[in-house]
Protein backbone atom coordinates (compact mmCIF):
# COMPACT_ATOMS: atom_id res chain seq x y z
CA MET A 1 18.58 -147.24 -12.41
CA SER A 2 16.56 -150.45 -12.29
CA VAL A 3 13.58 -150.83 -10.00
CA PHE A 4 15.32 -153.71 -8.22
CA LYS A 5 18.42 -151.59 -7.52
CA LYS A 6 16.28 -148.74 -6.15
CA LEU A 7 14.45 -151.14 -3.83
CA ARG A 8 17.69 -152.79 -2.70
CA ASP A 9 19.41 -149.46 -2.08
CA GLY A 10 16.43 -148.25 -0.05
CA TYR A 11 16.57 -151.42 2.05
CA VAL A 12 20.35 -151.14 2.54
CA ILE A 13 20.17 -147.51 3.67
CA SER A 14 17.30 -148.30 6.03
CA HIS A 15 19.20 -151.28 7.48
CA ALA A 16 22.43 -149.31 7.92
CA ASN A 17 20.58 -146.48 9.67
CA ARG A 18 18.97 -148.89 12.17
CA ILE A 19 22.27 -150.30 13.44
CA LYS A 20 22.77 -149.36 17.08
CA PHE A 21 26.29 -148.26 17.91
CA PRO A 22 27.87 -149.07 21.25
CA LYS A 23 29.59 -146.38 23.26
CA PHE A 24 33.03 -146.31 21.68
CA ASN A 25 36.01 -145.69 23.92
CA THR A 26 38.42 -143.14 22.56
CA GLY A 27 41.21 -145.13 21.01
CA SER A 28 44.07 -144.92 18.63
CA PHE A 29 43.56 -143.30 15.24
CA ILE A 30 44.47 -145.73 12.43
CA ARG A 31 43.92 -146.54 8.75
CA LYS A 32 43.31 -150.09 7.53
CA ARG A 33 42.91 -151.57 4.06
CA VAL A 34 40.25 -154.26 4.38
CA THR A 35 39.36 -156.80 1.69
CA PHE A 36 36.10 -158.76 1.95
CA SER A 37 35.90 -161.94 -0.14
CA GLY A 38 32.85 -164.12 -0.80
CA ARG A 39 29.43 -163.12 -2.11
CA VAL A 40 29.86 -159.41 -1.50
CA GLN A 41 29.02 -157.77 -4.82
CA LYS A 42 25.51 -156.97 -6.10
CA VAL A 43 24.07 -157.10 -2.57
CA GLY A 44 24.52 -153.46 -1.53
CA PHE A 45 27.76 -154.18 0.34
CA ARG A 46 29.59 -150.98 -0.67
CA LEU A 47 26.53 -148.86 0.09
CA GLU A 48 26.21 -150.45 3.54
CA ILE A 49 29.88 -149.78 4.31
CA TYR A 50 29.45 -146.20 3.09
CA CYS A 51 26.36 -145.55 5.24
CA ILE A 52 27.90 -146.99 8.41
CA ALA A 53 31.25 -145.25 7.82
CA GLU A 54 29.49 -141.91 7.30
CA ARG A 55 27.46 -142.34 10.50
CA MET A 56 30.66 -143.10 12.45
CA LYS A 57 32.56 -140.23 10.80
CA LEU A 58 35.20 -142.53 9.31
CA LYS A 59 37.25 -141.41 6.32
CA GLY A 60 38.36 -143.39 3.28
CA TRP A 61 36.80 -145.23 0.36
CA VAL A 62 35.25 -148.52 -0.77
CA GLU A 63 35.30 -150.20 -4.18
CA ASN A 64 34.49 -153.44 -6.00
CA LEU A 65 37.47 -155.44 -7.26
CA GLU A 66 37.50 -157.38 -10.52
CA ASP A 67 37.87 -160.71 -8.67
CA GLY A 68 34.46 -160.23 -6.96
CA SER A 69 35.86 -158.92 -3.67
CA VAL A 70 35.21 -155.55 -2.06
CA GLU A 71 38.10 -153.47 -0.77
CA ALA A 72 37.93 -150.50 1.58
CA GLU A 73 40.33 -148.16 3.27
CA LEU A 74 38.96 -147.09 6.63
CA GLN A 75 40.48 -144.32 8.71
CA GLY A 76 39.39 -143.38 12.20
CA GLU A 77 39.30 -144.75 15.70
CA GLU A 78 40.35 -148.38 15.84
CA SER A 79 37.25 -149.54 17.76
CA LYS A 80 34.94 -148.02 15.12
CA ILE A 81 36.80 -149.71 12.27
CA TYR A 82 36.59 -153.12 13.94
CA PHE A 83 32.90 -152.57 14.70
CA LEU A 84 32.21 -151.80 11.02
CA VAL A 85 34.14 -154.89 9.87
CA ASN A 86 32.16 -157.07 12.29
CA CYS A 87 28.88 -155.58 11.04
CA MET A 88 29.80 -156.43 7.46
CA GLN A 89 30.79 -159.99 8.36
CA SER A 90 27.38 -160.56 9.94
CA LEU A 91 25.25 -159.34 7.00
CA LYS A 92 22.63 -161.91 6.03
CA ARG A 93 22.29 -160.82 2.39
CA ALA A 94 26.04 -161.23 1.81
CA SER A 95 28.34 -164.14 2.51
CA VAL A 96 31.74 -162.96 3.70
CA LYS A 97 34.13 -165.91 3.47
CA LYS A 98 37.39 -164.10 4.21
CA VAL A 99 38.50 -160.74 5.57
CA THR A 100 42.06 -159.47 5.27
CA MET A 101 43.25 -156.31 6.99
CA ILE A 102 46.53 -154.52 6.66
CA ASP A 103 47.80 -151.31 8.21
CA VAL A 104 48.32 -148.45 5.78
CA PRO A 105 49.60 -144.92 6.38
CA ILE A 106 47.11 -142.32 7.62
CA VAL A 107 46.01 -139.85 4.94
CA ASP A 108 46.00 -136.41 6.54
CA ASP A 109 43.89 -134.64 3.92
CA ASP A 110 41.17 -137.32 3.67
CA GLU A 111 37.99 -135.38 4.41
CA ASN A 112 35.14 -137.82 3.72
CA PHE A 113 34.17 -141.37 2.79
CA THR A 114 33.48 -142.24 -0.85
CA ILE A 115 32.27 -145.10 -2.99
CA VAL A 116 34.66 -145.67 -5.89
CA ARG A 117 32.75 -146.62 -9.03
């Protein structure tokens, strides 16, 4: 792993762990497929999603797409999913130009959140 990647990953983890969460109201349990387009690769975007999703106990996965986008499936309380999406749209080191979200079926046996490599 390059020195730059280690430094960036350390910064991303630190940043994600400093985010203050609001008090979430108990809401509906959903799963969304979210695609982030723009400058979202090579900036620690997947790692940031992973760290926030883990802290909020969301389930699912995140991966880079060949077209330069990042796609994630997020499962959990609706308010937490929308909070995570808003966090990612406001990142300074990335430039999210477009977000698309679609409903997908809930996966009952999804036990954790993963980064797809």
